[in-house]
Structure formats: C-alpha cells, structure tokens
Amino acid sequence: MFYVYVLQSRSDQGLYIGYSANLRRRITEHQHGLAFATAFRGPWRLIYYEAYLEEEDALGRERYLKSGGGRRFLKHQLRHYFAKCPPLQAVRVEHSG
C-alpha cells in the first residue's frame, strides 16, 4: 500500500501533505522530529489519509492535493474539522519519502 496523508501542526495549525509506503513509520518520524521538513513545527496530528495500491497513483494524488484544486478539495472535504481547527492560509508542499 501507498499512502497520501495530511498532517496539521498543533503548534502553528499549518498543514503538511506527504506520501509514504509505510504510514505508521512516517507518522512516528514526524512525531519524533526525524523528518527534516516537519521537525521544527510539531507536534503533529494526522487529519486525513488515502491508501493506493499503485505508487504512481499515490504520487499523482499527492501532487494534486498540493495544488490549488487539491487545497480546495481538502478545505471542502474537511470542512467540519476545519470549522473547529482552522488551518493556516498556506499549505506546505514539501515532498516526504
């Protein structure tokens, strides 16, 4: 399985969109500051993920979620969550491995 996921920083409410073949390991890395792109903004909360059988499909979805249309999709999809925990305006778009 390949996963596309969205994290929200509990310290600044910013979002991080990433991709991983091992979601549990990757979330643990984010939580313990072992992921360079997110180490300084934790702790993190996993707020959304999707699973794919094909890596190329997951990578394509990650690219989409990082686009303007993808951000609009997430805003609509997670509207009830964001009503309680609004994100920063900008979504971080670094790539994770």
PDB file of N, CA and C in Angstrom:
ATOM      1  N   MET A   1       0.837  -1.188   0.000  1.00  0.00           N
ATOM      2  CA  MET A   1       0.000   0.000   0.000  1.00  0.00           C
ATOM      3  C   MET A   1       0.877   1.245   0.000  1.00  0.00           C
ATOM      4  N   PHE A   2       0.325   2.283  -0.594  1.00  0.00           N
ATOM      5  CA  PHE A   2       0.981   3.590  -0.634  1.00  0.00           C
ATOM      6  C   PHE A   2      -0.027   4.613  -0.134  1.00  0.00           C
ATOM      7  N   TYR A   3       0.453   5.527   0.675  1.00  0.00           N
ATOM      8  CA  TYR A   3      -0.439   6.444   1.375  1.00  0.00           C
ATOM      9  C   TYR A   3      -0.103   7.896   1.061  1.00  0.00           C
ATOM     10  N   VAL A   4      -1.151   8.678   0.916  1.00  0.00           N
ATOM     11  CA  VAL A   4      -1.054  10.133   0.852  1.00  0.00           C
ATOM     12  C   VAL A   4      -1.728  10.617   2.129  1.00  0.00           C
ATOM     13  N   TYR A   5      -1.106  11.558   2.828  1.00  0.00           N
ATOM     14  CA  TYR A   5      -1.641  11.954   4.118  1.00  0.00           C
ATOM     15  C   TYR A   5      -1.516  13.451   4.324  1.00  0.00           C
ATOM     16  N   VAL A   6      -2.340  13.944   5.249  1.00  0.00           N
ATOM     17  CA  VAL A   6      -2.310  15.354   5.626  1.00  0.00           C
ATOM     18  C   VAL A   6      -2.147  15.423   7.128  1.00  0.00           C
ATOM     19  N   LEU A   7      -1.158  16.184   7.546  1.00  0.00           N
ATOM     20  CA  LEU A   7      -0.917  16.429   8.963  1.00  0.00           C
ATOM     21  C   LEU A   7      -1.234  17.884   9.271  1.00  0.00           C
ATOM     22  N   GLN A   8      -1.653  18.144  10.501  1.00  0.00           N
ATOM     23  CA  GLN A   8      -1.801  19.520  10.952  1.00  0.00           C
ATOM     24  C   GLN A   8      -0.920  19.719  12.170  1.00  0.00           C
ATOM     25  N   SER A   9      -0.137  20.794  12.119  1.00  0.00           N
ATOM     26  CA  SER A   9       0.741  21.130  13.230  1.00  0.00           C
ATOM     27  C   SER A   9      -0.090  21.629  14.405  1.00  0.00           C
ATOM     28  N   ARG A  10       0.156  21.087  15.549  1.00  0.00           N
ATOM     29  CA  ARG A  10      -0.537  21.563  16.752  1.00  0.00           C
ATOM     30  C   ARG A  10       0.081  22.864  17.261  1.00  0.00           C
ATOM     31  N   SER A  11       1.279  23.188  16.786  1.00  0.00           N
ATOM     32  CA  SER A  11       1.921  24.414  17.256  1.00  0.00           C
ATOM     33  C   SER A  11       1.532  25.637  16.436  1.00  0.00           C
ATOM     34  N   ASP A  12       1.361  25.499  15.110  1.00  0.00           N
ATOM     35  CA  ASP A  12       1.008  26.668  14.299  1.00  0.00           C
ATOM     36  C   ASP A  12      -0.202  26.457  13.387  1.00  0.00           C
ATOM     37  N   GLN A  13      -0.857  25.305  13.486  1.00  0.00           N
ATOM     38  CA  GLN A  13      -2.052  24.947  12.709  1.00  0.00           C
ATOM     39  C   GLN A  13      -1.794  24.792  11.208  1.00  0.00           C
ATOM     40  N   GLY A  14      -0.525  24.847  10.797  1.00  0.00           N
ATOM     41  CA  GLY A  14      -0.193  24.657   9.395  1.00  0.00           C
ATOM     42  C   GLY A  14      -0.389  23.212   8.965  1.00  0.00           C
ATOM     43  N   LEU A  15      -0.571  23.016   7.660  1.00  0.00           N
ATOM     44  CA  LEU A  15      -0.777  21.689   7.110  1.00  0.00           C
ATOM     45  C   LEU A  15       0.479  21.203   6.404  1.00  0.00           C
ATOM     46  N   TYR A  16       0.631  19.901   6.379  1.00  0.00           N
ATOM     47  CA  TYR A  16       1.710  19.246   5.639  1.00  0.00           C
ATOM     48  C   TYR A  16       1.104  18.082   4.876  1.00  0.00           C
ATOM     49  N   ILE A  17       1.359  18.016   3.588  1.00  0.00           N
ATOM     50  CA  ILE A  17       0.864  16.938   2.738  1.00  0.00           C
ATOM     51  C   ILE A  17       2.044  16.063   2.363  1.00  0.00           C
ATOM     52  N   GLY A  18       1.926  14.776   2.591  1.00  0.00           N
ATOM     53  CA  GLY A  18       3.038  13.878   2.312  1.00  0.00           C
ATOM     54  C   GLY A  18       2.587  12.559   1.708  1.00  0.00           C
ATOM     55  N   TYR A  19       3.560  11.725   1.447  1.00  0.00           N
ATOM     56  CA  TYR A  19       3.379  10.432   0.794  1.00  0.00           C
ATOM     57  C   TYR A  19       4.315   9.444   1.477  1.00  0.00           C
ATOM     58  N   SER A  20       3.873   8.206   1.639  1.00  0.00           N
ATOM     59  CA  SER A  20       4.738   7.188   2.222  1.00  0.00           C
ATOM     60  C   SER A  20       4.214   5.794   1.888  1.00  0.00           C
ATOM     61  N   ALA A  21       5.124   4.853   1.827  1.00  0.00           N
ATOM     62  CA  ALA A  21       4.745   3.454   1.671  1.00  0.00           C
ATOM     63  C   ALA A  21       4.484   2.814   3.039  1.00  0.00           C
ATOM     64  N   ASN A  22       4.882   3.488   4.109  1.00  0.00           N
ATOM     65  CA  ASN A  22       4.671   2.975   5.464  1.00  0.00           C
ATOM     66  C   ASN A  22       4.148   4.125   6.328  1.00  0.00           C
ATOM     67  N   LEU A  23       2.841   4.258   6.376  1.00  0.00           N
ATOM     68  CA  LEU A  23       2.228   5.402   7.046  1.00  0.00           C
ATOM     69  C   LEU A  23       2.553   5.441   8.539  1.00  0.00           C
ATOM     70  N   ARG A  24       2.452   4.330   9.222  1.00  0.00           N
ATOM     71  CA  ARG A  24       2.729   4.330  10.671  1.00  0.00           C
ATOM     72  C   ARG A  24       4.155   4.785  10.976  1.00  0.00           C
ATOM     73  N   ARG A  25       5.119   4.252  10.229  1.00  0.00           N
ATOM     74  CA  ARG A  25       6.513   4.646  10.444  1.00  0.00           C
ATOM     75  C   ARG A  25       6.701   6.132  10.157  1.00  0.00           C
ATOM     76  N   ARG A  26       6.104   6.605   9.070  1.00  0.00           N
ATOM     77  CA  ARG A  26       6.291   8.001   8.679  1.00  0.00           C
ATOM     78  C   ARG A  26       5.675   8.951   9.700  1.00  0.00           C
ATOM     79  N   ILE A  27       4.507   8.619  10.216  1.00  0.00           N
ATOM     80  CA  ILE A  27       3.881   9.466  11.237  1.00  0.00           C
ATOM     81  C   ILE A  27       4.752   9.489  12.488  1.00  0.00           C
ATOM     82  N   THR A  28       5.290   8.345  12.869  1.00  0.00           N
ATOM     83  CA  THR A  28       6.195   8.292  14.025  1.00  0.00           C
ATOM     84  C   THR A  28       7.412   9.175  13.798  1.00  0.00           C
ATOM     85  N   GLU A  29       7.975   9.155  12.596  1.00  0.00           N
ATOM     86  CA  GLU A  29       9.114  10.029  12.275  1.00  0.00           C
ATOM     87  C   GLU A  29       8.732  11.495  12.432  1.00  0.00           C
ATOM     88  N   HIS A  30       7.569  11.867  11.928  1.00  0.00           N
ATOM     89  CA  HIS A  30       7.115  13.258  12.089  1.00  0.00           C
ATOM     90  C   HIS A  30       6.954  13.601  13.567  1.00  0.00           C
ATOM     91  N   GLN A  31       6.353  12.710  14.330  1.00  0.00           N
ATOM     92  CA  GLN A  31       6.094  12.984  15.741  1.00  0.00           C
ATOM     93  C   GLN A  31       7.374  13.131  16.561  1.00  0.00           C
ATOM     94  N   HIS A  32       8.427  12.414  16.167  1.00  0.00           N
ATOM     95  CA  HIS A  32       9.679  12.454  16.922  1.00  0.00           C
ATOM     96  C   HIS A  32      10.710  13.410  16.332  1.00  0.00           C
ATOM     97  N   GLY A  33      10.301  14.236  15.392  1.00  0.00           N
ATOM     98  CA  GLY A  33      11.204  15.229  14.823  1.00  0.00           C
ATOM     99  C   GLY A  33      12.260  14.656  13.899  1.00  0.00           C
ATOM    100  N   LEU A  34      12.036  13.470  13.346  1.00  0.00           N
ATOM    101  CA  LEU A  34      13.022  12.812  12.491  1.00  0.00           C
ATOM    102  C   LEU A  34      12.844  13.140  11.011  1.00  0.00           C
ATOM    103  N   ALA A  35      11.796  13.854  10.676  1.00  0.00           N
ATOM    104  CA  ALA A  35      11.563  14.266   9.287  1.00  0.00           C
ATOM    105  C   ALA A  35      11.990  15.725   9.163  1.00  0.00           C
ATOM    106  N   PHE A  36      12.998  15.984   8.348  1.00  0.00           N
ATOM    107  CA  PHE A  36      13.589  17.318   8.256  1.00  0.00           C
ATOM    108  C   PHE A  36      12.542  18.403   7.989  1.00  0.00           C
ATOM    109  N   ALA A  37      11.632  18.158   7.055  1.00  0.00           N
ATOM    110  CA  ALA A  37      10.674  19.185   6.641  1.00  0.00           C
ATOM    111  C   ALA A  37       9.686  19.568   7.738  1.00  0.00           C
ATOM    112  N   THR A  38       9.480  18.704   8.720  1.00  0.00           N
ATOM    113  CA  THR A  38       8.470  18.978   9.746  1.00  0.00           C
ATOM    114  C   THR A  38       9.027  19.018  11.167  1.00  0.00           C
ATOM    115  N   ALA A  39      10.292  18.809  11.319  1.00  0.00           N
ATOM    116  CA  ALA A  39      10.872  18.666  12.661  1.00  0.00           C
ATOM    117  C   ALA A  39      10.639  19.880  13.553  1.00  0.00           C
ATOM    118  N   PHE A  40      10.641  21.065  12.997  1.00  0.00           N
ATOM    119  CA  PHE A  40      10.562  22.287  13.802  1.00  0.00           C
ATOM    120  C   PHE A  40       9.126  22.746  14.049  1.00  0.00           C
ATOM    121  N   ARG A  41       8.116  22.033  13.524  1.00  0.00           N
ATOM    122  CA  ARG A  41       6.740  22.513  13.623  1.00  0.00           C
ATOM    123  C   ARG A  41       5.809  21.582  14.391  1.00  0.00           C
ATOM    124  N   GLY A  42       6.332  20.527  14.991  1.00  0.00           N
ATOM    125  CA  GLY A  42       5.484  19.571  15.697  1.00  0.00           C
ATOM    126  C   GLY A  42       4.993  20.115  17.009  1.00  0.00           C
ATOM    127  N   PRO A  43       4.186  19.355  17.694  1.00  0.00           N
ATOM    128  CA  PRO A  43       3.682  18.021  17.356  1.00  0.00           C
ATOM    129  C   PRO A  43       2.638  18.072  16.242  1.00  0.00           C
ATOM    130  N   TRP A  44       2.397  16.898  15.665  1.00  0.00           N
ATOM    131  CA  TRP A  44       1.519  16.782  14.501  1.00  0.00           C
ATOM    132  C   TRP A  44       0.321  15.908  14.797  1.00  0.00           C
ATOM    133  N   ARG A  45      -0.760  16.185  14.080  1.00  0.00           N
ATOM    134  CA  ARG A  45      -1.966  15.361  14.144  1.00  0.00           C
ATOM    135  C   ARG A  45      -2.288  14.901  12.725  1.00  0.00           C
ATOM    136  N   LEU A  46      -2.479  13.598  12.555  1.00  0.00           N
ATOM    137  CA  LEU A  46      -2.919  13.061  11.276  1.00  0.00           C
ATOM    138  C   LEU A  46      -4.399  13.388  11.132  1.00  0.00           C
ATOM    139  N   ILE A  47      -4.758  14.150  10.079  1.00  0.00           N
ATOM    140  CA  ILE A  47      -6.151  14.552   9.925  1.00  0.00           C
ATOM    141  C   ILE A  47      -6.811  13.929   8.694  1.00  0.00           C
ATOM    142  N   TYR A  48      -6.017  13.321   7.798  1.00  0.00           N
ATOM    143  CA  TYR A  48      -6.597  12.758   6.586  1.00  0.00           C
ATOM    144  C   TYR A  48      -5.570  11.846   5.928  1.00  0.00           C
ATOM    145  N   TYR A  49      -6.047  10.741   5.349  1.00  0.00           N
ATOM    146  CA  TYR A  49      -5.159   9.924   4.523  1.00  0.00           C
ATOM    147  C   TYR A  49      -5.966   9.128   3.518  1.00  0.00           C
ATOM    148  N   GLU A  50      -5.299   8.725   2.463  1.00  0.00           N
ATOM    149  CA  GLU A  50      -5.865   7.880   1.419  1.00  0.00           C
ATOM    150  C   GLU A  50      -4.857   6.781   1.138  1.00  0.00           C
ATOM    151  N   ALA A  51      -5.347   5.586   0.799  1.00  0.00           N
ATOM    152  CA  ALA A  51      -4.479   4.447   0.501  1.00  0.00           C
ATOM    153  C   ALA A  51      -4.636   4.061  -0.971  1.00  0.00           C
ATOM    154  N   TYR A  52      -3.511   3.690  -1.589  1.00  0.00           N
ATOM    155  CA  TYR A  52      -3.477   3.313  -3.002  1.00  0.00           C
ATOM    156  C   TYR A  52      -2.684   2.021  -3.170  1.00  0.00           C
ATOM    157  N   LEU A  53      -3.077   1.224  -4.139  1.00  0.00           N
ATOM    158  CA  LEU A  53      -2.344   0.009  -4.455  1.00  0.00           C
ATOM    159  C   LEU A  53      -1.127   0.295  -5.316  1.00  0.00           C
ATOM    160  N   GLU A  54      -1.213   1.307  -6.164  1.00  0.00           N
ATOM    161  CA  GLU A  54      -0.127   1.649  -7.082  1.00  0.00           C
ATOM    162  C   GLU A  54       0.568   2.921  -6.630  1.00  0.00           C
ATOM    163  N   GLU A  55       1.885   2.875  -6.576  1.00  0.00           N
ATOM    164  CA  GLU A  55       2.673   4.022  -6.134  1.00  0.00           C
ATOM    165  C   GLU A  55       2.431   5.249  -7.010  1.00  0.00           C
ATOM    166  N   GLU A  56       2.349   5.048  -8.307  1.00  0.00           N
ATOM    167  CA  GLU A  56       2.153   6.173  -9.224  1.00  0.00           C
ATOM    168  C   GLU A  56       0.834   6.887  -8.955  1.00  0.00           C
ATOM    169  N   ASP A  57      -0.193   6.137  -8.581  1.00  0.00           N
ATOM    170  CA  ASP A  57      -1.485   6.741  -8.250  1.00  0.00           C
ATOM    171  C   ASP A  57      -1.369   7.599  -6.994  1.00  0.00           C
ATOM    172  N   ALA A  58      -0.665   7.108  -5.994  1.00  0.00           N
ATOM    173  CA  ALA A  58      -0.476   7.862  -4.758  1.00  0.00           C
ATOM    174  C   ALA A  58       0.332   9.130  -5.014  1.00  0.00           C
ATOM    175  N   LEU A  59       1.383   9.024  -5.805  1.00  0.00           N
ATOM    176  CA  LEU A  59       2.204  10.203  -6.101  1.00  0.00           C
ATOM    177  C   LEU A  59       1.415  11.245  -6.882  1.00  0.00           C
ATOM    178  N   GLY A  60       0.576  10.784  -7.810  1.00  0.00           N
ATOM    179  CA  GLY A  60      -0.267  11.714  -8.553  1.00  0.00           C
ATOM    180  C   GLY A  60      -1.259  12.416  -7.642  1.00  0.00           C
ATOM    181  N   ARG A  61      -1.827  11.678  -6.709  1.00  0.00           N
ATOM    182  CA  ARG A  61      -2.775  12.278  -5.766  1.00  0.00           C
ATOM    183  C   ARG A  61      -2.079  13.269  -4.840  1.00  0.00           C
ATOM    184  N   GLU A  62      -0.860  12.944  -4.421  1.00  0.00           N
ATOM    185  CA  GLU A  62      -0.100  13.879  -3.583  1.00  0.00           C
ATOM    186  C   GLU A  62       0.118  15.182  -4.332  1.00  0.00           C
ATOM    187  N   ARG A  63       0.531  15.093  -5.595  1.00  0.00           N
ATOM    188  CA  ARG A  63       0.728  16.298  -6.409  1.00  0.00           C
ATOM    189  C   ARG A  63      -0.563  17.106  -6.510  1.00  0.00           C
ATOM    190  N   TYR A  64      -1.669  16.414  -6.730  1.00  0.00           N
ATOM    191  CA  TYR A  64      -2.947  17.109  -6.829  1.00  0.00           C
ATOM    192  C   TYR A  64      -3.298  17.818  -5.522  1.00  0.00           C
ATOM    193  N   LEU A  65      -3.168  17.134  -4.388  1.00  0.00           N
ATOM    194  CA  LEU A  65      -3.541  17.742  -3.111  1.00  0.00           C
ATOM    195  C   LEU A  65      -2.677  18.960  -2.786  1.00  0.00           C
ATOM    196  N   LYS A  66      -1.496  19.028  -3.342  1.00  0.00           N
ATOM    197  CA  LYS A  66      -0.611  20.172  -3.130  1.00  0.00           C
ATOM    198  C   LYS A  66      -0.932  21.330  -4.071  1.00  0.00           C
ATOM    199  N   SER A  67      -1.814  21.112  -5.028  1.00  0.00           N
ATOM    200  CA  SER A  67      -2.186  22.154  -5.989  1.00  0.00           C
ATOM    201  C   SER A  67      -3.328  22.992  -5.419  1.00  0.00           C
ATOM    202  N   GLY A  68      -3.665  24.047  -6.113  1.00  0.00           N
ATOM    203  CA  GLY A  68      -4.791  24.888  -5.697  1.00  0.00           C
ATOM    204  C   GLY A  68      -6.095  24.114  -5.637  1.00  0.00           C
ATOM    205  N   GLY A  69      -6.347  23.297  -6.663  1.00  0.00           N
ATOM    206  CA  GLY A  69      -7.556  22.479  -6.667  1.00  0.00           C
ATOM    207  C   GLY A  69      -7.576  21.481  -5.529  1.00  0.00           C
ATOM    208  N   GLY A  70      -6.411  20.912  -5.234  1.00  0.00           N
ATOM    209  CA  GLY A  70      -6.311  19.959  -4.141  1.00  0.00           C
ATOM    210  C   GLY A  70      -6.550  20.608  -2.791  1.00  0.00           C
ATOM    211  N   ARG A  71      -6.019  21.810  -2.612  1.00  0.00           N
ATOM    212  CA  ARG A  71      -6.263  22.538  -1.358  1.00  0.00           C
ATOM    213  C   ARG A  71      -7.756  22.855  -1.203  1.00  0.00           C
ATOM    214  N   ARG A  72      -8.408  23.212  -2.318  1.00  0.00           N
ATOM    215  CA  ARG A  72      -9.853  23.466  -2.268  1.00  0.00           C
ATOM    216  C   ARG A  72     -10.615  22.181  -1.910  1.00  0.00           C
ATOM    217  N   PHE A  73     -10.182  21.057  -2.502  1.00  0.00           N
ATOM    218  CA  PHE A  73     -10.792  19.771  -2.179  1.00  0.00           C
ATOM    219  C   PHE A  73     -10.678  19.484  -0.681  1.00  0.00           C
ATOM    220  N   LEU A  74      -9.473  19.641  -0.118  1.00  0.00           N
ATOM    221  CA  LEU A  74      -9.268  19.371   1.308  1.00  0.00           C
ATOM    222  C   LEU A  74     -10.103  20.305   2.176  1.00  0.00           C
ATOM    223  N   LYS A  75     -10.176  21.571   1.778  1.00  0.00           N
ATOM    224  CA  LYS A  75     -10.963  22.537   2.538  1.00  0.00           C
ATOM    225  C   LYS A  75     -12.429  22.097   2.591  1.00  0.00           C
ATOM    226  N   HIS A  76     -12.938  21.615   1.466  1.00  0.00           N
ATOM    227  CA  HIS A  76     -14.323  21.149   1.424  1.00  0.00           C
ATOM    228  C   HIS A  76     -14.476  19.803   2.144  1.00  0.00           C
ATOM    229  N   GLN A  77     -13.581  18.875   1.888  1.00  0.00           N
ATOM    230  CA  GLN A  77     -13.665  17.524   2.462  1.00  0.00           C
ATOM    231  C   GLN A  77     -13.575  17.553   3.985  1.00  0.00           C
ATOM    232  N   LEU A  78     -12.757  18.444   4.506  1.00  0.00           N
ATOM    233  CA  LEU A  78     -12.513  18.508   5.954  1.00  0.00           C
ATOM    234  C   LEU A  78     -13.178  19.730   6.585  1.00  0.00           C
ATOM    235  N   ARG A  79     -14.241  20.231   5.971  1.00  0.00           N
ATOM    236  CA  ARG A  79     -14.861  21.479   6.413  1.00  0.00           C
ATOM    237  C   ARG A  79     -15.326  21.433   7.866  1.00  0.00           C
ATOM    238  N   HIS A  80     -15.832  20.313   8.328  1.00  0.00           N
ATOM    239  CA  HIS A  80     -16.304  20.228   9.714  1.00  0.00           C
ATOM    240  C   HIS A  80     -15.119  20.245  10.688  1.00  0.00           C
ATOM    241  N   TYR A  81     -14.049  19.544  10.328  1.00  0.00           N
ATOM    242  CA  TYR A  81     -12.842  19.570  11.162  1.00  0.00           C
ATOM    243  C   TYR A  81     -12.241  20.975  11.185  1.00  0.00           C
ATOM    244  N   PHE A  82     -12.124  21.595  10.000  1.00  0.00           N
ATOM    245  CA  PHE A  82     -11.519  22.930   9.916  1.00  0.00           C
ATOM    246  C   PHE A  82     -12.381  24.002  10.587  1.00  0.00           C
ATOM    247  N   ALA A  83     -13.663  23.754  10.733  1.00  0.00           N
ATOM    248  CA  ALA A  83     -14.508  24.695  11.472  1.00  0.00           C
ATOM    249  C   ALA A  83     -14.074  24.751  12.937  1.00  0.00           C
ATOM    250  N   LYS A  84     -13.561  23.635  13.440  1.00  0.00           N
ATOM    251  CA  LYS A  84     -13.094  23.562  14.827  1.00  0.00           C
ATOM    252  C   LYS A  84     -11.612  23.894  14.961  1.00  0.00           C
ATOM    253  N   CYS A  85     -10.810  23.517  13.961  1.00  0.00           N
ATOM    254  CA  CYS A  85      -9.356  23.689  13.999  1.00  0.00           C
ATOM    255  C   CYS A  85      -8.893  24.287  12.670  1.00  0.00           C
ATOM    256  N   PRO A  86      -9.124  25.579  12.436  1.00  0.00           N
ATOM    257  CA  PRO A  86      -8.784  26.157  11.136  1.00  0.00           C
ATOM    258  C   PRO A  86      -7.285  26.097  10.845  1.00  0.00           C
ATOM    259  N   PRO A  87      -6.934  25.804   9.592  1.00  0.00           N
ATOM    260  CA  PRO A  87      -5.517  25.754   9.209  1.00  0.00           C
ATOM    261  C   PRO A  87      -4.982  27.145   8.901  1.00  0.00           C
ATOM    262  N   LEU A  88      -3.672  27.229   8.797  1.00  0.00           N
ATOM    263  CA  LEU A  88      -3.063  28.443   8.252  1.00  0.00           C
ATOM    264  C   LEU A  88      -3.539  28.588   6.816  1.00  0.00           C
ATOM    265  N   GLN A  89      -3.461  29.778   6.266  1.00  0.00           N
ATOM    266  CA  GLN A  89      -3.872  30.004   4.888  1.00  0.00           C
ATOM    267  C   GLN A  89      -3.044  29.187   3.895  1.00  0.00           C
ATOM    268  N   ALA A  90      -1.748  29.160   4.062  1.00  0.00           N
ATOM    269  CA  ALA A  90      -0.855  28.456   3.125  1.00  0.00           C
ATOM    270  C   ALA A  90      -0.709  27.006   3.556  1.00  0.00           C
ATOM    271  N   VAL A  91      -0.672  26.122   2.579  1.00  0.00           N
ATOM    272  CA  VAL A  91      -0.426  24.704   2.826  1.00  0.00           C
ATOM    273  C   VAL A  91       1.007  24.411   2.427  1.00  0.00           C
ATOM    274  N   ARG A  92       1.760  23.772   3.311  1.00  0.00           N
ATOM    275  CA  ARG A  92       3.138  23.419   2.993  1.00  0.00           C
ATOM    276  C   ARG A  92       3.129  22.323   1.958  1.00  0.00           C
ATOM    277  N   VAL A  93       4.063  22.393   1.000  1.00  0.00           N
ATOM    278  CA  VAL A  93       4.030  21.439  -0.092  1.00  0.00           C
ATOM    279  C   VAL A  93       5.348  20.699  -0.290  1.00  0.00           C
ATOM    280  N   GLU A  94       6.131  20.557   0.754  1.00  0.00           N
ATOM    281  CA  GLU A  94       7.348  19.768   0.605  1.00  0.00           C
ATOM    282  C   GLU A  94       7.008  18.314   0.366  1.00  0.00           C
ATOM    283  N   HIS A  95       7.897  17.591  -0.269  1.00  0.00           N
ATOM    284  CA  HIS A  95       7.707  16.177  -0.559  1.00  0.00           C
ATOM    285  C   HIS A  95       8.343  15.348   0.550  1.00  0.00           C
ATOM    286  N   SER A  96       7.634  14.329   1.004  1.00  0.00           N
ATOM    287  CA  SER A  96       8.193  13.422   2.003  1.00  0.00           C
ATOM    288  C   SER A  96       8.405  12.069   1.370  1.00  0.00           C
ATOM    289  N   GLY A  97       9.271  11.276   1.981  1.00  0.00           N
ATOM    290  CA  GLY A  97       9.595   9.990   1.374  1.00  0.00           C
ATOM    291  C   GLY A  97       9.104   8.846   2.057  1.00  0.00           C
TER     292      GLY A  97
END
